[in-house]
Amino acid sequence: MTFRSILVLLLCVVSVTTVPMAVYNTAWFDPTNVTDLLINLFPVTTMNECACQCYNNSMCITGSFFGINQTCVLFSAHLWQGQLRLIINKFASVFSFPNRTTNIGKRRTFLIHL
C-alpha cells in the first residue's frame, strides 16, 4: 500500500465526536442562584477559549464571555436556571452545553437499617 492510501484509510477510520453547544451573541447570563457561579477567568482572549475552559470543567454548563475586558465567567447552571439578558455590547456572548449534567445540588437518599 502506498503512503497516500494508508493516510486516507486512517482518516476514514478516525471517529469524530461532537458536543452540542448553543451560542447567543450580544447577551449575558444571569443565574437565579448566585452559588451557580463557578469562576471568573481573566484574561481570556476569545469566546472559543472561554468555551474550552467550560468544557474542560466538569461542573460547567453555561458561560459568558466579554471580549472588551477579556473576561470569561463560568456557571454550573443551565440557561433555564437563570435569565438570558440581551445587551448592547456586541463583544459579549453566552454559550451553553444543553446536554451536560453535573452532580451539584443533587440529593441522595439512603436507607439505614439499625
N, C-alpha and C. Protein backbone atom coordinates (compact mmCIF):
# COMPACT_ATOMS: atom_id res chain seq x y z
N MET A 1 0.84 -1.19 0.00
CA MET A 1 0.00 0.00 0.00
C MET A 1 0.88 1.24 0.00
N THR A 2 0.43 2.20 -0.70
CA THR A 2 1.20 3.43 -0.73
C THR A 2 0.87 4.27 0.50
N PHE A 3 1.72 5.23 0.76
CA PHE A 3 1.54 6.12 1.91
C PHE A 3 0.21 6.87 1.82
N ARG A 4 -0.14 7.31 0.62
CA ARG A 4 -1.39 8.05 0.42
C ARG A 4 -2.61 7.17 0.76
N SER A 5 -2.60 5.92 0.36
CA SER A 5 -3.71 5.00 0.64
C SER A 5 -3.84 4.76 2.14
N ILE A 6 -2.73 4.60 2.82
CA ILE A 6 -2.74 4.39 4.27
C ILE A 6 -3.29 5.63 4.96
N LEU A 7 -2.88 6.80 4.54
CA LEU A 7 -3.36 8.04 5.13
C LEU A 7 -4.86 8.20 4.95
N VAL A 8 -5.37 7.92 3.76
CA VAL A 8 -6.81 8.00 3.50
C VAL A 8 -7.56 7.00 4.37
N LEU A 9 -7.04 5.80 4.51
CA LEU A 9 -7.67 4.78 5.33
C LEU A 9 -7.72 5.22 6.80
N LEU A 10 -6.64 5.76 7.29
CA LEU A 10 -6.61 6.24 8.68
C LEU A 10 -7.59 7.38 8.90
N LEU A 11 -7.69 8.29 7.96
CA LEU A 11 -8.61 9.41 8.10
C LEU A 11 -10.06 8.94 8.10
N CYS A 12 -10.35 7.89 7.38
CA CYS A 12 -11.72 7.35 7.33
C CYS A 12 -12.08 6.62 8.62
N VAL A 13 -11.10 6.03 9.29
CA VAL A 13 -11.34 5.25 10.49
C VAL A 13 -11.52 6.15 11.72
N VAL A 14 -10.89 7.29 11.74
CA VAL A 14 -10.94 8.17 12.89
C VAL A 14 -12.38 8.64 13.12
N SER A 15 -12.86 8.44 14.33
CA SER A 15 -14.23 8.88 14.62
C SER A 15 -14.21 10.31 15.14
N VAL A 16 -15.24 11.03 14.80
CA VAL A 16 -15.35 12.42 15.21
C VAL A 16 -16.45 12.53 16.25
N THR A 17 -16.14 13.15 17.38
CA THR A 17 -17.12 13.36 18.43
C THR A 17 -17.49 14.83 18.46
N THR A 18 -18.78 15.11 18.43
CA THR A 18 -19.24 16.49 18.51
C THR A 18 -20.07 16.67 19.78
N VAL A 19 -19.98 17.85 20.33
CA VAL A 19 -20.73 18.20 21.53
C VAL A 19 -21.59 19.40 21.19
N PRO A 20 -22.93 19.28 21.35
CA PRO A 20 -23.79 20.42 21.03
C PRO A 20 -23.52 21.60 21.97
N MET A 21 -23.45 22.78 21.38
CA MET A 21 -23.24 24.00 22.16
C MET A 21 -24.10 25.10 21.56
N ALA A 22 -24.93 25.72 22.39
CA ALA A 22 -25.75 26.85 21.95
C ALA A 22 -24.99 28.13 22.21
N VAL A 23 -25.01 29.07 21.27
CA VAL A 23 -24.31 30.35 21.42
C VAL A 23 -25.30 31.48 21.17
N TYR A 24 -25.28 32.45 22.07
CA TYR A 24 -26.13 33.65 21.96
C TYR A 24 -25.22 34.87 21.99
N ASN A 25 -25.18 35.61 20.90
CA ASN A 25 -24.36 36.82 20.83
C ASN A 25 -25.11 38.00 21.42
N THR A 26 -24.38 39.01 21.81
CA THR A 26 -24.90 40.22 22.47
C THR A 26 -25.80 39.87 23.63
N ALA A 27 -25.31 38.98 24.48
CA ALA A 27 -26.11 38.53 25.62
C ALA A 27 -25.24 38.32 26.85
N TRP A 28 -25.90 38.23 27.99
CA TRP A 28 -25.27 37.97 29.28
C TRP A 28 -26.15 37.00 30.04
N PHE A 29 -25.58 36.04 30.76
CA PHE A 29 -26.35 35.08 31.55
C PHE A 29 -26.36 35.52 33.00
N ASP A 30 -27.54 35.55 33.57
CA ASP A 30 -27.74 35.92 34.97
C ASP A 30 -28.42 34.75 35.68
N PRO A 31 -27.66 33.92 36.43
CA PRO A 31 -28.26 32.74 37.06
C PRO A 31 -29.20 33.14 38.20
N THR A 32 -30.23 32.33 38.41
CA THR A 32 -31.17 32.56 39.51
C THR A 32 -30.47 32.40 40.86
N ASN A 33 -29.62 31.41 40.96
CA ASN A 33 -28.92 31.12 42.21
C ASN A 33 -27.46 31.59 42.09
N VAL A 34 -27.03 32.49 42.95
CA VAL A 34 -25.67 33.04 42.86
C VAL A 34 -24.60 31.98 43.13
N THR A 35 -24.97 30.89 43.79
CA THR A 35 -23.98 29.84 44.04
C THR A 35 -23.65 29.04 42.78
N ASP A 36 -24.36 29.30 41.67
CA ASP A 36 -24.05 28.64 40.41
C ASP A 36 -22.81 29.22 39.73
N LEU A 37 -22.30 30.34 40.23
CA LEU A 37 -21.07 30.93 39.69
C LEU A 37 -19.90 30.03 40.07
N LEU A 38 -19.16 29.58 39.09
CA LEU A 38 -18.00 28.72 39.35
C LEU A 38 -16.73 29.54 39.46
N ILE A 39 -16.45 30.38 38.44
CA ILE A 39 -15.18 31.10 38.42
C ILE A 39 -15.24 32.24 37.39
N ASN A 40 -14.50 33.31 37.69
CA ASN A 40 -14.24 34.39 36.72
C ASN A 40 -12.81 34.20 36.24
N LEU A 41 -12.62 34.10 34.94
CA LEU A 41 -11.28 33.93 34.38
C LEU A 41 -10.87 35.17 33.62
N PHE A 42 -9.62 35.59 33.81
CA PHE A 42 -9.09 36.77 33.14
C PHE A 42 -7.59 36.59 32.98
N PRO A 43 -6.97 36.88 31.90
CA PRO A 43 -7.53 37.27 30.61
C PRO A 43 -7.83 36.04 29.76
N VAL A 44 -8.95 36.06 29.10
CA VAL A 44 -9.34 35.05 28.11
C VAL A 44 -9.64 35.83 26.84
N THR A 45 -8.91 35.54 25.77
CA THR A 45 -8.96 36.41 24.59
C THR A 45 -10.07 36.11 23.59
N THR A 46 -10.61 34.89 23.60
CA THR A 46 -11.66 34.56 22.63
C THR A 46 -12.80 33.79 23.30
N MET A 47 -13.96 33.83 22.65
CA MET A 47 -15.10 33.07 23.15
C MET A 47 -14.82 31.57 23.05
N ASN A 48 -14.10 31.15 22.03
CA ASN A 48 -13.76 29.73 21.89
C ASN A 48 -12.89 29.25 23.04
N GLU A 49 -11.95 30.08 23.46
CA GLU A 49 -11.09 29.74 24.60
C GLU A 49 -11.93 29.63 25.87
N CYS A 50 -12.89 30.53 26.03
CA CYS A 50 -13.79 30.50 27.17
C CYS A 50 -14.63 29.22 27.15
N ALA A 51 -15.16 28.87 25.98
CA ALA A 51 -15.96 27.65 25.84
C ALA A 51 -15.12 26.41 26.16
N CYS A 52 -13.86 26.41 25.76
CA CYS A 52 -12.97 25.28 26.08
C CYS A 52 -12.73 25.18 27.57
N GLN A 53 -12.58 26.32 28.24
CA GLN A 53 -12.41 26.33 29.70
C GLN A 53 -13.64 25.70 30.37
N CYS A 54 -14.82 26.04 29.87
CA CYS A 54 -16.06 25.48 30.41
C CYS A 54 -16.13 23.98 30.13
N TYR A 55 -15.85 23.59 28.91
CA TYR A 55 -15.93 22.18 28.53
C TYR A 55 -14.97 21.33 29.38
N ASN A 56 -13.81 21.86 29.69
CA ASN A 56 -12.82 21.12 30.48
C ASN A 56 -13.12 21.11 31.97
N ASN A 57 -14.09 21.90 32.41
CA ASN A 57 -14.51 21.92 33.81
C ASN A 57 -15.78 21.07 33.92
N SER A 58 -15.71 19.96 34.59
CA SER A 58 -16.84 19.01 34.64
C SER A 58 -18.09 19.59 35.29
N MET A 59 -17.97 20.68 36.03
CA MET A 59 -19.13 21.29 36.68
C MET A 59 -19.75 22.40 35.84
N CYS A 60 -19.11 22.82 34.77
CA CYS A 60 -19.57 23.95 33.97
C CYS A 60 -20.59 23.52 32.92
N ILE A 61 -21.67 24.31 32.83
CA ILE A 61 -22.70 24.08 31.82
C ILE A 61 -22.87 25.30 30.92
N THR A 62 -22.79 26.49 31.51
CA THR A 62 -23.02 27.74 30.79
C THR A 62 -21.89 28.71 31.08
N GLY A 63 -21.59 29.57 30.11
CA GLY A 63 -20.56 30.58 30.31
C GLY A 63 -20.90 31.87 29.60
N SER A 64 -20.33 32.95 30.11
CA SER A 64 -20.46 34.26 29.48
C SER A 64 -19.06 34.77 29.16
N PHE A 65 -18.92 35.38 27.99
CA PHE A 65 -17.63 35.92 27.58
C PHE A 65 -17.78 37.39 27.22
N PHE A 66 -16.93 38.24 27.79
CA PHE A 66 -16.87 39.66 27.46
C PHE A 66 -15.55 39.92 26.76
N GLY A 67 -15.60 40.19 25.46
CA GLY A 67 -14.39 40.41 24.68
C GLY A 67 -13.68 41.70 25.01
N ILE A 68 -14.42 42.73 25.36
CA ILE A 68 -13.81 44.04 25.65
C ILE A 68 -12.82 43.95 26.81
N ASN A 69 -13.23 43.31 27.91
CA ASN A 69 -12.32 43.20 29.05
C ASN A 69 -11.74 41.79 29.21
N GLN A 70 -11.90 40.94 28.20
CA GLN A 70 -11.33 39.60 28.14
C GLN A 70 -11.66 38.78 29.39
N THR A 71 -12.93 38.76 29.75
CA THR A 71 -13.39 38.05 30.93
C THR A 71 -14.29 36.88 30.53
N CYS A 72 -14.06 35.75 31.16
CA CYS A 72 -14.84 34.54 30.96
C CYS A 72 -15.44 34.16 32.30
N VAL A 73 -16.77 34.03 32.37
CA VAL A 73 -17.45 33.69 33.61
C VAL A 73 -18.15 32.35 33.39
N LEU A 74 -17.86 31.38 34.26
CA LEU A 74 -18.40 30.04 34.12
C LEU A 74 -19.44 29.76 35.20
N PHE A 75 -20.52 29.06 34.80
CA PHE A 75 -21.63 28.76 35.70
C PHE A 75 -21.96 27.26 35.67
N SER A 76 -22.48 26.76 36.77
CA SER A 76 -22.93 25.37 36.85
C SER A 76 -24.45 25.29 36.67
N ALA A 77 -25.02 26.19 35.90
CA ALA A 77 -26.47 26.24 35.70
C ALA A 77 -26.81 26.17 34.22
N HIS A 78 -27.95 25.56 33.92
CA HIS A 78 -28.48 25.58 32.57
C HIS A 78 -29.11 26.95 32.30
N LEU A 79 -29.35 27.25 31.04
CA LEU A 79 -29.96 28.54 30.68
C LEU A 79 -31.33 28.71 31.34
N TRP A 80 -32.09 27.63 31.50
CA TRP A 80 -33.41 27.74 32.10
C TRP A 80 -33.33 27.99 33.61
N GLN A 81 -32.13 27.92 34.19
CA GLN A 81 -31.94 28.18 35.61
C GLN A 81 -31.48 29.61 35.85
N GLY A 82 -31.84 30.49 34.96
CA GLY A 82 -31.47 31.90 35.08
C GLY A 82 -32.13 32.69 33.97
N GLN A 83 -31.59 33.87 33.71
CA GLN A 83 -32.14 34.72 32.65
C GLN A 83 -31.04 35.04 31.64
N LEU A 84 -31.43 34.99 30.40
CA LEU A 84 -30.55 35.38 29.31
C LEU A 84 -30.89 36.83 29.00
N ARG A 85 -29.97 37.72 29.26
CA ARG A 85 -30.22 39.16 29.10
C ARG A 85 -29.52 39.66 27.83
N LEU A 86 -30.28 40.33 26.99
CA LEU A 86 -29.70 40.93 25.79
C LEU A 86 -29.07 42.26 26.17
N ILE A 87 -27.88 42.52 25.64
CA ILE A 87 -27.16 43.75 25.95
C ILE A 87 -26.65 44.38 24.65
N ILE A 88 -26.26 45.62 24.72
CA ILE A 88 -25.80 46.36 23.54
C ILE A 88 -24.39 45.95 23.14
N ASN A 89 -23.59 45.50 24.06
CA ASN A 89 -22.20 45.16 23.82
C ASN A 89 -22.10 44.03 22.79
N LYS A 90 -21.60 44.35 21.59
CA LYS A 90 -21.51 43.33 20.55
C LYS A 90 -20.36 42.34 20.78
N PHE A 91 -19.54 42.57 21.79
CA PHE A 91 -18.43 41.68 22.09
C PHE A 91 -18.75 40.75 23.27
N ALA A 92 -20.02 40.61 23.60
CA ALA A 92 -20.44 39.73 24.69
C ALA A 92 -21.21 38.54 24.11
N SER A 93 -20.94 37.37 24.66
CA SER A 93 -21.62 36.15 24.19
C SER A 93 -21.90 35.23 25.37
N VAL A 94 -22.95 34.45 25.21
CA VAL A 94 -23.29 33.39 26.17
C VAL A 94 -23.29 32.08 25.39
N PHE A 95 -22.72 31.05 26.00
CA PHE A 95 -22.75 29.73 25.40
C PHE A 95 -23.21 28.74 26.45
N SER A 96 -23.78 27.65 25.99
CA SER A 96 -24.27 26.64 26.92
C SER A 96 -24.16 25.27 26.29
N PHE A 97 -23.85 24.29 27.12
CA PHE A 97 -23.83 22.89 26.70
C PHE A 97 -25.12 22.26 27.20
N PRO A 98 -26.19 22.26 26.39
CA PRO A 98 -27.51 21.86 26.87
C PRO A 98 -27.64 20.40 27.30
N ASN A 99 -26.80 19.53 26.79
CA ASN A 99 -26.89 18.11 27.15
C ASN A 99 -26.02 17.72 28.33
N ARG A 100 -25.35 18.68 28.92
CA ARG A 100 -24.43 18.40 30.01
C ARG A 100 -25.15 18.41 31.35
N THR A 101 -24.75 17.52 32.23
CA THR A 101 -25.31 17.50 33.58
C THR A 101 -24.16 17.50 34.58
N THR A 102 -24.46 17.95 35.78
CA THR A 102 -23.49 17.92 36.86
C THR A 102 -24.14 17.27 38.07
N ASN A 103 -23.35 16.93 39.06
CA ASN A 103 -23.87 16.34 40.29
C ASN A 103 -24.08 17.39 41.37
N ILE A 104 -23.90 18.65 41.03
CA ILE A 104 -24.06 19.72 42.01
C ILE A 104 -25.52 19.82 42.43
N GLY A 105 -25.74 19.82 43.71
CA GLY A 105 -27.08 20.04 44.24
C GLY A 105 -27.99 18.83 44.19
N LYS A 106 -27.53 17.72 43.68
CA LYS A 106 -28.37 16.54 43.66
C LYS A 106 -28.33 15.88 45.04
N ARG A 107 -29.49 15.52 45.49
CA ARG A 107 -29.59 14.89 46.81
C ARG A 107 -29.75 13.40 46.64
N ARG A 108 -29.14 12.68 47.54
CA ARG A 108 -29.27 11.23 47.52
C ARG A 108 -29.90 10.81 48.84
N THR A 109 -30.79 9.85 48.77
CA THR A 109 -31.45 9.34 49.95
C THR A 109 -30.92 7.93 50.23
N PHE A 110 -30.55 7.73 51.47
CA PHE A 110 -30.03 6.42 51.87
C PHE A 110 -30.95 5.85 52.94
N LEU A 111 -31.18 4.57 52.88
CA LEU A 111 -31.97 3.87 53.90
C LEU A 111 -30.98 3.16 54.82
N ILE A 112 -31.03 3.48 56.08
CA ILE A 112 -30.09 2.89 57.04
C ILE A 112 -30.88 1.98 57.97
N HIS A 113 -30.47 0.73 58.06
CA HIS A 113 -31.10 -0.24 58.97
C HIS A 113 -30.31 -0.28 60.25
N LEU A 114 -30.99 -0.08 61.37
CA LEU A 114 -30.33 -0.13 62.68
C LEU A 114 -30.60 -1.44 63.38
